[in-house]
N, C-alpha and C. Protein backbone atom coordinates (compact mmCIF):
# COMPACT_ATOMS: atom_id res chain seq x y z
N MET A 1 23.97 -38.83 -19.60
CA MET A 1 23.15 -38.10 -20.52
C MET A 1 22.34 -39.11 -21.33
N ARG A 2 21.08 -38.79 -21.55
CA ARG A 2 20.20 -39.69 -22.28
C ARG A 2 19.49 -38.93 -23.38
N GLY A 3 19.38 -39.55 -24.55
CA GLY A 3 18.70 -38.94 -25.67
C GLY A 3 17.23 -39.29 -25.71
N THR A 4 16.55 -38.77 -26.71
CA THR A 4 15.13 -39.01 -26.89
C THR A 4 14.88 -39.62 -28.27
N ASP A 5 13.70 -40.16 -28.47
CA ASP A 5 13.35 -40.72 -29.78
C ASP A 5 12.91 -39.61 -30.72
N VAL A 6 13.38 -39.69 -31.95
CA VAL A 6 13.01 -38.77 -33.02
C VAL A 6 12.50 -39.62 -34.17
N THR A 7 11.40 -39.22 -34.78
CA THR A 7 10.85 -39.95 -35.91
C THR A 7 11.31 -39.28 -37.20
N LEU A 8 11.99 -40.04 -38.04
CA LEU A 8 12.47 -39.55 -39.33
C LEU A 8 11.50 -40.03 -40.40
N ILE A 9 11.01 -39.12 -41.23
CA ILE A 9 10.12 -39.45 -42.34
C ILE A 9 11.01 -39.77 -43.54
N VAL A 10 11.04 -41.04 -43.94
CA VAL A 10 11.89 -41.48 -45.04
C VAL A 10 11.04 -41.56 -46.30
N LYS A 11 11.49 -40.86 -47.33
CA LYS A 11 10.78 -40.87 -48.62
C LYS A 11 11.47 -41.84 -49.57
N THR A 12 10.65 -42.68 -50.20
CA THR A 12 11.15 -43.65 -51.16
C THR A 12 10.39 -43.45 -52.47
N GLN A 13 11.13 -43.29 -53.57
CA GLN A 13 10.47 -43.11 -54.86
C GLN A 13 9.84 -44.43 -55.29
N THR A 14 8.54 -44.38 -55.58
CA THR A 14 7.82 -45.59 -55.96
C THR A 14 7.47 -45.63 -57.44
N SER A 15 7.31 -44.46 -58.05
CA SER A 15 6.95 -44.43 -59.47
C SER A 15 7.19 -43.03 -60.01
N VAL A 16 6.73 -42.82 -61.23
CA VAL A 16 6.82 -41.52 -61.89
C VAL A 16 5.43 -41.18 -62.41
N ASP A 17 4.99 -39.94 -62.19
CA ASP A 17 3.66 -39.55 -62.67
C ASP A 17 3.68 -39.29 -64.18
N PRO A 18 2.53 -39.05 -64.79
CA PRO A 18 2.48 -38.84 -66.24
C PRO A 18 3.29 -37.64 -66.75
N PHE A 19 3.63 -36.72 -65.85
CA PHE A 19 4.43 -35.55 -66.24
C PHE A 19 5.93 -35.78 -66.04
N GLY A 20 6.30 -36.99 -65.63
CA GLY A 20 7.71 -37.32 -65.45
C GLY A 20 8.27 -36.96 -64.08
N GLU A 21 7.39 -36.54 -63.16
CA GLU A 21 7.84 -36.19 -61.81
C GLU A 21 7.79 -37.43 -60.92
N PRO A 22 8.76 -37.59 -60.02
CA PRO A 22 8.76 -38.77 -59.15
C PRO A 22 7.62 -38.74 -58.13
N VAL A 23 7.12 -39.91 -57.82
CA VAL A 23 6.08 -40.09 -56.79
C VAL A 23 6.73 -40.85 -55.63
N TYR A 24 6.54 -40.35 -54.41
CA TYR A 24 7.19 -40.92 -53.24
C TYR A 24 6.17 -41.49 -52.27
N THR A 25 6.58 -42.49 -51.52
CA THR A 25 5.82 -42.95 -50.37
C THR A 25 6.64 -42.60 -49.13
N GLU A 26 5.94 -42.30 -48.06
CA GLU A 26 6.62 -41.93 -46.82
C GLU A 26 6.46 -43.02 -45.78
N THR A 27 7.55 -43.33 -45.11
CA THR A 27 7.51 -44.25 -43.98
C THR A 27 8.17 -43.58 -42.79
N GLU A 28 7.70 -43.90 -41.62
CA GLU A 28 8.26 -43.32 -40.41
C GLU A 28 9.21 -44.30 -39.77
N GLU A 29 10.42 -43.84 -39.43
CA GLU A 29 11.40 -44.66 -38.74
C GLU A 29 11.80 -43.95 -37.45
N THR A 30 11.76 -44.66 -36.36
CA THR A 30 12.14 -44.09 -35.07
C THR A 30 13.64 -44.23 -34.88
N ILE A 31 14.29 -43.10 -34.62
CA ILE A 31 15.71 -43.07 -34.34
C ILE A 31 15.84 -42.85 -32.83
N HIS A 32 16.42 -43.81 -32.15
CA HIS A 32 16.53 -43.75 -30.69
C HIS A 32 17.78 -42.97 -30.28
N ASP A 33 17.73 -42.38 -29.10
CA ASP A 33 18.89 -41.77 -28.45
C ASP A 33 19.43 -40.54 -29.18
N CYS A 34 18.54 -39.68 -29.66
CA CYS A 34 18.96 -38.42 -30.29
C CYS A 34 18.95 -37.31 -29.24
N LEU A 35 19.90 -36.40 -29.35
CA LEU A 35 19.90 -35.22 -28.49
C LEU A 35 19.15 -34.11 -29.21
N VAL A 36 18.31 -33.41 -28.50
CA VAL A 36 17.57 -32.29 -29.08
C VAL A 36 17.86 -31.07 -28.23
N GLY A 37 18.40 -30.03 -28.86
CA GLY A 37 18.76 -28.83 -28.12
C GLY A 37 18.37 -27.56 -28.86
N LYS A 38 18.28 -26.49 -28.12
CA LYS A 38 17.98 -25.19 -28.70
C LYS A 38 19.24 -24.61 -29.33
N PRO A 39 19.10 -23.94 -30.48
CA PRO A 39 20.26 -23.31 -31.10
C PRO A 39 20.63 -22.03 -30.37
N THR A 40 21.87 -21.60 -30.56
CA THR A 40 22.30 -20.32 -30.00
C THR A 40 21.77 -19.19 -30.89
N ALA A 41 21.81 -17.99 -30.39
CA ALA A 41 21.38 -16.83 -31.19
C ALA A 41 22.23 -16.71 -32.45
N ASP A 42 23.50 -17.05 -32.35
CA ASP A 42 24.41 -17.02 -33.50
C ASP A 42 23.99 -18.06 -34.55
N ASP A 43 23.59 -19.26 -34.11
CA ASP A 43 23.12 -20.30 -35.03
C ASP A 43 21.88 -19.82 -35.79
N VAL A 44 20.95 -19.19 -35.09
CA VAL A 44 19.72 -18.70 -35.71
C VAL A 44 20.04 -17.62 -36.74
N THR A 45 20.88 -16.68 -36.36
CA THR A 45 21.26 -15.59 -37.28
C THR A 45 21.94 -16.14 -38.52
N THR A 46 22.84 -17.09 -38.35
CA THR A 46 23.55 -17.68 -39.48
C THR A 46 22.60 -18.43 -40.40
N SER A 47 21.65 -19.18 -39.86
CA SER A 47 20.73 -19.94 -40.70
C SER A 47 19.81 -19.00 -41.48
N ILE A 48 19.42 -17.90 -40.87
CA ILE A 48 18.59 -16.94 -41.59
C ILE A 48 19.39 -16.31 -42.72
N ALA A 49 20.65 -15.96 -42.46
CA ALA A 49 21.50 -15.35 -43.49
C ALA A 49 21.80 -16.33 -44.63
N LEU A 50 22.07 -17.59 -44.30
CA LEU A 50 22.45 -18.57 -45.32
C LEU A 50 21.26 -19.16 -46.07
N TYR A 51 20.21 -19.54 -45.32
CA TYR A 51 19.10 -20.28 -45.91
C TYR A 51 17.78 -19.52 -45.93
N GLY A 52 17.70 -18.42 -45.21
CA GLY A 52 16.44 -17.69 -45.11
C GLY A 52 15.43 -18.43 -44.24
N LYS A 53 15.90 -19.30 -43.35
CA LYS A 53 15.03 -20.10 -42.50
C LYS A 53 15.46 -19.98 -41.04
N LYS A 54 14.46 -19.94 -40.14
CA LYS A 54 14.74 -19.83 -38.71
C LYS A 54 14.72 -21.22 -38.10
N ILE A 55 15.86 -21.64 -37.60
CA ILE A 55 15.94 -22.98 -37.01
C ILE A 55 15.35 -22.97 -35.60
N GLU A 56 14.72 -24.08 -35.24
CA GLU A 56 14.09 -24.23 -33.93
C GLU A 56 14.92 -25.11 -33.00
N TYR A 57 15.49 -26.19 -33.56
CA TYR A 57 16.27 -27.13 -32.76
C TYR A 57 17.49 -27.59 -33.53
N ILE A 58 18.46 -28.10 -32.79
CA ILE A 58 19.59 -28.82 -33.37
C ILE A 58 19.50 -30.24 -32.82
N ILE A 59 19.52 -31.22 -33.72
CA ILE A 59 19.40 -32.61 -33.31
C ILE A 59 20.75 -33.29 -33.40
N GLY A 60 21.19 -33.89 -32.30
CA GLY A 60 22.41 -34.69 -32.28
C GLY A 60 22.07 -36.12 -32.66
N ILE A 61 22.67 -36.61 -33.74
CA ILE A 61 22.36 -37.93 -34.30
C ILE A 61 23.38 -38.94 -33.77
N PRO A 62 22.93 -40.11 -33.33
CA PRO A 62 23.86 -41.11 -32.79
C PRO A 62 24.90 -41.56 -33.82
N LYS A 63 26.06 -41.90 -33.32
CA LYS A 63 27.12 -42.44 -34.19
C LYS A 63 26.62 -43.72 -34.84
N GLY A 64 27.04 -43.93 -36.08
CA GLY A 64 26.67 -45.15 -36.79
C GLY A 64 25.35 -45.07 -37.53
N ASP A 65 24.60 -43.99 -37.37
CA ASP A 65 23.33 -43.85 -38.08
C ASP A 65 23.61 -43.62 -39.56
N ALA A 66 22.97 -44.39 -40.44
CA ALA A 66 23.24 -44.32 -41.87
C ALA A 66 22.10 -43.67 -42.65
N HIS A 67 21.10 -43.11 -41.97
CA HIS A 67 19.99 -42.47 -42.67
C HIS A 67 20.43 -41.18 -43.36
N SER A 68 19.72 -40.83 -44.40
CA SER A 68 19.94 -39.54 -45.07
C SER A 68 19.02 -38.51 -44.40
N TRP A 69 19.61 -37.53 -43.75
CA TRP A 69 18.85 -36.53 -43.00
C TRP A 69 18.62 -35.26 -43.80
N GLU A 70 19.35 -35.05 -44.89
CA GLU A 70 19.22 -33.84 -45.67
C GLU A 70 17.86 -33.81 -46.39
N ASP A 71 17.24 -32.65 -46.40
CA ASP A 71 15.95 -32.44 -47.08
C ASP A 71 14.92 -33.47 -46.62
N SER A 72 14.82 -33.65 -45.32
CA SER A 72 13.89 -34.62 -44.74
C SER A 72 12.99 -33.93 -43.73
N GLU A 73 11.97 -34.67 -43.32
CA GLU A 73 11.09 -34.20 -42.27
C GLU A 73 11.29 -35.09 -41.04
N VAL A 74 11.16 -34.49 -39.87
CA VAL A 74 11.29 -35.23 -38.62
C VAL A 74 10.16 -34.83 -37.68
N ILE A 75 9.83 -35.74 -36.78
CA ILE A 75 8.85 -35.45 -35.75
C ILE A 75 9.57 -35.48 -34.40
N VAL A 76 9.54 -34.33 -33.73
CA VAL A 76 10.20 -34.17 -32.43
C VAL A 76 9.16 -33.64 -31.46
N PHE A 77 9.03 -34.30 -30.31
CA PHE A 77 8.07 -33.89 -29.29
C PHE A 77 6.66 -33.75 -29.85
N GLY A 78 6.32 -34.61 -30.82
CA GLY A 78 4.98 -34.61 -31.41
C GLY A 78 4.73 -33.55 -32.46
N GLU A 79 5.73 -32.75 -32.80
CA GLU A 79 5.58 -31.71 -33.81
C GLU A 79 6.46 -32.01 -35.02
N ARG A 80 6.03 -31.54 -36.19
CA ARG A 80 6.74 -31.83 -37.43
C ARG A 80 7.71 -30.70 -37.76
N PHE A 81 8.94 -31.09 -38.16
CA PHE A 81 9.99 -30.15 -38.53
C PHE A 81 10.62 -30.60 -39.83
N ARG A 82 11.29 -29.68 -40.52
CA ARG A 82 12.03 -30.00 -41.74
C ARG A 82 13.49 -29.65 -41.50
N THR A 83 14.38 -30.51 -42.00
CA THR A 83 15.80 -30.27 -41.81
C THR A 83 16.27 -29.10 -42.68
N VAL A 84 17.29 -28.41 -42.19
CA VAL A 84 17.85 -27.25 -42.89
C VAL A 84 19.33 -27.51 -43.13
N GLY A 85 19.76 -27.40 -44.37
CA GLY A 85 21.18 -27.57 -44.68
C GLY A 85 21.60 -29.02 -44.63
N PHE A 86 22.88 -29.23 -44.41
CA PHE A 86 23.47 -30.55 -44.39
C PHE A 86 23.81 -30.96 -42.96
N ALA A 87 23.87 -32.26 -42.74
CA ALA A 87 24.29 -32.76 -41.43
C ALA A 87 25.76 -32.44 -41.23
N GLU A 88 26.09 -31.89 -40.09
CA GLU A 88 27.48 -31.59 -39.75
C GLU A 88 28.08 -32.82 -39.10
N THR A 89 29.12 -33.35 -39.72
CA THR A 89 29.72 -34.60 -39.25
C THR A 89 31.15 -34.37 -38.84
N GLY A 90 31.54 -35.00 -37.75
CA GLY A 90 32.93 -34.96 -37.32
C GLY A 90 33.57 -36.32 -37.52
N ILE A 91 34.82 -36.43 -37.15
CA ILE A 91 35.50 -37.72 -37.21
C ILE A 91 35.01 -38.53 -36.01
N GLN A 92 34.29 -39.59 -36.31
CA GLN A 92 33.60 -40.35 -35.28
C GLN A 92 34.51 -40.79 -34.14
N GLU A 93 35.71 -41.23 -34.47
CA GLU A 93 36.63 -41.72 -33.43
C GLU A 93 37.12 -40.61 -32.50
N ASN A 94 37.09 -39.37 -32.97
CA ASN A 94 37.59 -38.25 -32.17
C ASN A 94 36.51 -37.57 -31.33
N ILE A 95 35.27 -37.99 -31.48
CA ILE A 95 34.17 -37.40 -30.74
C ILE A 95 33.90 -38.29 -29.52
N PRO A 96 33.99 -37.73 -28.31
CA PRO A 96 33.95 -38.56 -27.11
C PRO A 96 32.58 -39.16 -26.75
N LEU A 97 31.50 -38.54 -27.14
CA LEU A 97 30.18 -39.04 -26.72
C LEU A 97 29.57 -39.94 -27.79
N ARG A 98 28.29 -40.27 -27.63
CA ARG A 98 27.61 -41.22 -28.52
C ARG A 98 27.04 -40.57 -29.78
N TRP A 99 27.15 -39.26 -29.93
CA TRP A 99 26.54 -38.58 -31.05
C TRP A 99 27.61 -38.02 -31.98
N GLY A 100 27.49 -38.31 -33.28
CA GLY A 100 28.56 -37.93 -34.20
C GLY A 100 28.16 -36.94 -35.27
N LYS A 101 26.85 -36.62 -35.40
CA LYS A 101 26.38 -35.68 -36.41
C LYS A 101 25.36 -34.74 -35.79
N ASN A 102 25.24 -33.55 -36.36
CA ASN A 102 24.21 -32.59 -35.97
C ASN A 102 23.45 -32.16 -37.21
N ILE A 103 22.14 -31.98 -37.06
CA ILE A 103 21.32 -31.44 -38.14
C ILE A 103 20.39 -30.38 -37.53
N LYS A 104 20.19 -29.31 -38.26
CA LYS A 104 19.31 -28.23 -37.80
C LYS A 104 17.93 -28.42 -38.42
N VAL A 105 16.89 -28.05 -37.65
CA VAL A 105 15.53 -28.20 -38.15
C VAL A 105 14.73 -26.92 -37.94
N GLU A 106 13.79 -26.69 -38.88
CA GLU A 106 12.87 -25.56 -38.79
C GLU A 106 11.46 -26.10 -38.60
N ARG A 107 10.59 -25.28 -38.02
CA ARG A 107 9.20 -25.70 -37.82
C ARG A 107 8.54 -25.87 -39.18
N TYR A 108 7.72 -26.92 -39.33
CA TYR A 108 7.12 -27.24 -40.60
C TYR A 108 5.77 -27.86 -40.36
N GLY A 109 4.79 -27.45 -41.16
CA GLY A 109 3.47 -28.08 -41.12
C GLY A 109 2.67 -27.63 -40.00
């Protein structure tokens, strides 16, 4: 099994505007070997009930990845998506394959 590259948009706070709101810069980081799959009908129904958002894909994140995926944007197959909810993490040693976290994404932009 082989994963695909996913681009994670990383936001870094650079300053504060005159109203006290943070100002961010965005950088793109390529995450190699991610699994991208379609959610089940149950996953879609649950995300709509919990978050009011329809998920498009579930991304399998490689073990050892230290990026923050919550409340982020990603580019998959040339299209922009926003993450929904929190990354689901298992006990890395007990998961047999190379992917240890899952994050759901909705279409964005």
